[in-house]
């Protein structure tokens, strides 16, 4: 799934491709924004960790975990 994070005072957003479940990501975001943790911690598909200070998070867009079909699909 694709996760986009807007960071305060930055023109670019951070995009992370993650294998985590939607509920796991939502809980991590909620904990960071509620002040229960100081960092929003996410791990991408390759195991790389991303640490974003919770106070700098402007928005988080969580994509679906469904894969899209590419090409022609005869239904």
N, C-alpha and C. Protein backbone atom coordinates (compact mmCIF):
# COMPACT_ATOMS: atom_id res chain seq x y z
N UNK A 1 0.84 -1.17 0.00
CA UNK A 1 0.00 0.00 0.00
C UNK A 1 0.88 1.23 0.00
N UNK A 2 0.36 2.30 -0.55
CA UNK A 2 1.10 3.56 -0.63
C UNK A 2 0.65 4.49 0.49
N UNK A 3 1.62 5.07 1.19
CA UNK A 3 1.36 6.01 2.27
C UNK A 3 2.06 7.32 1.92
N UNK A 4 1.30 8.41 1.90
CA UNK A 4 1.87 9.73 1.63
C UNK A 4 1.80 10.56 2.90
N UNK A 5 2.92 11.18 3.25
CA UNK A 5 3.00 11.98 4.47
C UNK A 5 3.42 13.40 4.09
N UNK A 6 2.59 14.36 4.45
CA UNK A 6 2.93 15.76 4.27
C UNK A 6 3.69 16.24 5.49
N UNK A 7 4.79 16.94 5.26
CA UNK A 7 5.64 17.41 6.35
C UNK A 7 5.63 18.93 6.37
N UNK A 8 5.42 19.50 7.54
CA UNK A 8 5.34 20.96 7.70
C UNK A 8 6.61 21.63 7.17
N UNK A 9 6.43 22.77 6.50
CA UNK A 9 7.51 23.57 5.94
C UNK A 9 8.32 22.83 4.88
N UNK A 10 7.70 21.87 4.21
CA UNK A 10 8.35 21.14 3.13
C UNK A 10 7.43 21.14 1.92
N UNK A 11 7.99 21.39 0.75
CA UNK A 11 7.19 21.40 -0.47
C UNK A 11 6.89 20.00 -0.99
N UNK A 12 7.62 19.02 -0.53
CA UNK A 12 7.47 17.66 -1.02
C UNK A 12 6.84 16.79 0.05
N UNK A 13 6.20 15.71 -0.40
CA UNK A 13 5.64 14.76 0.53
C UNK A 13 6.50 13.49 0.53
N UNK A 14 6.47 12.78 1.63
CA UNK A 14 7.19 11.52 1.75
C UNK A 14 6.25 10.41 1.33
N UNK A 15 6.67 9.57 0.38
CA UNK A 15 5.85 8.47 -0.10
C UNK A 15 6.53 7.17 0.29
N UNK A 16 5.78 6.30 1.00
CA UNK A 16 6.30 5.03 1.48
C UNK A 16 5.43 3.91 0.93
N UNK A 17 6.05 2.90 0.34
CA UNK A 17 5.35 1.68 -0.08
C UNK A 17 5.51 0.67 1.04
N UNK A 18 4.40 0.27 1.67
CA UNK A 18 4.47 -0.58 2.84
C UNK A 18 3.65 -1.85 2.66
N UNK A 19 4.10 -2.92 3.31
CA UNK A 19 3.35 -4.18 3.35
C UNK A 19 2.46 -4.26 4.58
N UNK A 20 2.54 -3.28 5.48
CA UNK A 20 1.76 -3.30 6.71
C UNK A 20 0.26 -3.22 6.41
N UNK A 21 -0.53 -3.73 7.33
CA UNK A 21 -1.98 -3.66 7.22
C UNK A 21 -2.45 -2.22 7.43
N UNK A 22 -3.59 -1.88 6.85
CA UNK A 22 -4.14 -0.53 6.97
C UNK A 22 -4.36 -0.17 8.43
N UNK A 23 -4.91 -1.08 9.22
CA UNK A 23 -5.18 -0.79 10.62
C UNK A 23 -3.91 -0.52 11.42
N UNK A 24 -2.83 -1.22 11.09
CA UNK A 24 -1.54 -1.01 11.77
C UNK A 24 -1.02 0.40 11.48
N UNK A 25 -1.11 0.81 10.23
CA UNK A 25 -0.64 2.15 9.85
C UNK A 25 -1.50 3.23 10.49
N UNK A 26 -2.81 3.03 10.48
CA UNK A 26 -3.72 4.01 11.09
C UNK A 26 -3.45 4.15 12.57
N UNK A 27 -3.15 3.05 13.26
CA UNK A 27 -2.85 3.12 14.70
C UNK A 27 -1.55 3.88 14.94
N UNK A 28 -0.54 3.63 14.12
CA UNK A 28 0.74 4.34 14.27
C UNK A 28 0.56 5.83 14.06
N UNK A 29 -0.24 6.20 13.06
CA UNK A 29 -0.50 7.62 12.78
C UNK A 29 -1.29 8.24 13.92
N UNK A 30 -2.34 7.56 14.39
CA UNK A 30 -3.16 8.08 15.48
C UNK A 30 -2.35 8.27 16.76
N UNK A 31 -1.48 7.31 17.07
CA UNK A 31 -0.64 7.42 18.27
C UNK A 31 0.31 8.62 18.16
N UNK A 32 0.88 8.82 16.99
CA UNK A 32 1.81 9.95 16.80
C UNK A 32 1.07 11.28 16.90
N UNK A 33 -0.08 11.38 16.26
CA UNK A 33 -0.81 12.65 16.26
C UNK A 33 -1.45 12.96 17.60
N UNK A 34 -1.75 11.92 18.39
CA UNK A 34 -2.34 12.13 19.71
C UNK A 34 -1.28 12.43 20.77
N UNK A 35 0.00 12.33 20.38
CA UNK A 35 1.07 12.65 21.32
C UNK A 35 1.52 11.48 22.17
N UNK A 36 1.04 10.27 21.86
CA UNK A 36 1.46 9.09 22.62
C UNK A 36 2.88 8.67 22.26
N UNK A 37 3.33 9.05 21.06
CA UNK A 37 4.72 8.82 20.65
C UNK A 37 5.22 10.11 20.01
N UNK A 38 6.53 10.33 20.07
CA UNK A 38 7.10 11.54 19.50
C UNK A 38 7.41 11.39 18.01
N UNK A 39 7.49 10.13 17.54
CA UNK A 39 7.84 9.87 16.15
C UNK A 39 6.77 9.02 15.48
N UNK A 40 6.52 9.30 14.22
CA UNK A 40 5.72 8.41 13.38
C UNK A 40 6.71 7.46 12.74
N UNK A 41 6.60 6.17 13.06
CA UNK A 41 7.54 5.17 12.56
C UNK A 41 6.84 4.27 11.56
N UNK A 42 7.39 4.20 10.35
CA UNK A 42 6.85 3.33 9.30
C UNK A 42 7.99 2.54 8.68
N UNK A 43 7.67 1.35 8.18
CA UNK A 43 8.64 0.49 7.52
C UNK A 43 8.15 0.20 6.11
N UNK A 44 9.05 0.34 5.13
CA UNK A 44 8.63 0.09 3.75
C UNK A 44 8.77 -1.39 3.40
N UNK A 45 8.47 -1.71 2.14
CA UNK A 45 8.48 -3.10 1.66
C UNK A 45 9.84 -3.75 1.75
N UNK A 46 10.90 -2.97 1.70
CA UNK A 46 12.26 -3.50 1.72
C UNK A 46 12.86 -3.52 3.13
N UNK A 47 12.09 -3.09 4.12
CA UNK A 47 12.57 -3.10 5.50
C UNK A 47 13.19 -1.80 5.96
N UNK A 48 13.23 -0.79 5.10
CA UNK A 48 13.80 0.51 5.46
C UNK A 48 12.82 1.24 6.39
N UNK A 49 13.34 1.82 7.48
CA UNK A 49 12.49 2.52 8.43
C UNK A 49 12.49 4.02 8.17
N UNK A 50 11.32 4.62 8.35
CA UNK A 50 11.14 6.06 8.21
C UNK A 50 10.66 6.59 9.56
N UNK A 51 11.35 7.60 10.06
CA UNK A 51 11.00 8.22 11.34
C UNK A 51 10.70 9.69 11.08
N UNK A 52 9.47 10.10 11.35
CA UNK A 52 9.05 11.48 11.12
C UNK A 52 8.61 12.06 12.46
N UNK A 53 9.15 13.20 12.88
CA UNK A 53 8.68 13.82 14.12
C UNK A 53 7.18 14.10 14.04
N UNK A 54 6.44 13.64 15.02
CA UNK A 54 4.97 13.76 15.01
C UNK A 54 4.53 15.22 14.91
N UNK A 55 5.28 16.12 15.50
CA UNK A 55 4.93 17.54 15.48
C UNK A 55 5.04 18.15 14.09
N UNK A 56 5.75 17.50 13.18
CA UNK A 56 5.96 18.02 11.83
C UNK A 56 5.00 17.43 10.79
N UNK A 57 4.18 16.46 11.20
CA UNK A 57 3.26 15.80 10.26
C UNK A 57 2.08 16.73 9.98
N UNK A 58 1.88 17.06 8.69
CA UNK A 58 0.76 17.91 8.28
C UNK A 58 -0.45 17.06 7.92
N UNK A 59 -0.21 15.98 7.18
CA UNK A 59 -1.29 15.07 6.80
C UNK A 59 -0.71 13.71 6.45
N UNK A 60 -1.56 12.70 6.50
CA UNK A 60 -1.17 11.35 6.10
C UNK A 60 -2.29 10.80 5.22
N UNK A 61 -1.91 10.32 4.05
CA UNK A 61 -2.86 9.70 3.13
C UNK A 61 -2.51 8.22 3.03
N UNK A 62 -3.45 7.38 3.46
CA UNK A 62 -3.22 5.94 3.45
C UNK A 62 -4.00 5.34 2.29
N UNK A 63 -3.29 4.68 1.37
CA UNK A 63 -3.93 4.04 0.23
C UNK A 63 -4.51 2.69 0.61
N UNK A 64 -5.18 2.08 -0.32
CA UNK A 64 -5.74 0.76 -0.07
C UNK A 64 -4.68 -0.30 -0.28
N UNK A 65 -4.91 -1.46 0.29
CA UNK A 65 -3.95 -2.56 0.13
C UNK A 65 -4.30 -3.45 -1.05
N UNK A 66 -5.30 -3.05 -1.85
CA UNK A 66 -5.66 -3.82 -3.04
C UNK A 66 -4.68 -3.55 -4.15
N UNK A 67 -4.37 -4.57 -4.92
CA UNK A 67 -3.52 -4.36 -6.09
C UNK A 67 -4.40 -4.05 -7.29
N UNK A 68 -3.92 -3.17 -8.13
CA UNK A 68 -4.68 -2.78 -9.31
C UNK A 68 -4.29 -3.69 -10.47
N UNK A 69 -5.28 -4.00 -11.30
CA UNK A 69 -4.96 -4.79 -12.49
C UNK A 69 -4.48 -3.85 -13.58
N UNK A 70 -3.52 -4.32 -14.34
CA UNK A 70 -2.93 -3.51 -15.40
C UNK A 70 -3.25 -4.18 -16.73
N UNK A 71 -3.61 -3.39 -17.69
CA UNK A 71 -3.91 -3.93 -19.01
C UNK A 71 -5.40 -4.17 -19.18
N UNK A 72 -5.71 -5.00 -20.16
CA UNK A 72 -7.11 -5.28 -20.47
C UNK A 72 -7.62 -6.41 -19.58
N UNK A 73 -8.80 -6.22 -19.05
CA UNK A 73 -9.38 -7.21 -18.16
C UNK A 73 -10.72 -7.62 -18.76
N UNK A 74 -10.81 -8.83 -19.25
CA UNK A 74 -12.07 -9.33 -19.84
C UNK A 74 -12.95 -9.85 -18.73
N UNK A 75 -14.04 -9.12 -18.48
CA UNK A 75 -14.96 -9.54 -17.42
C UNK A 75 -16.28 -9.98 -18.01
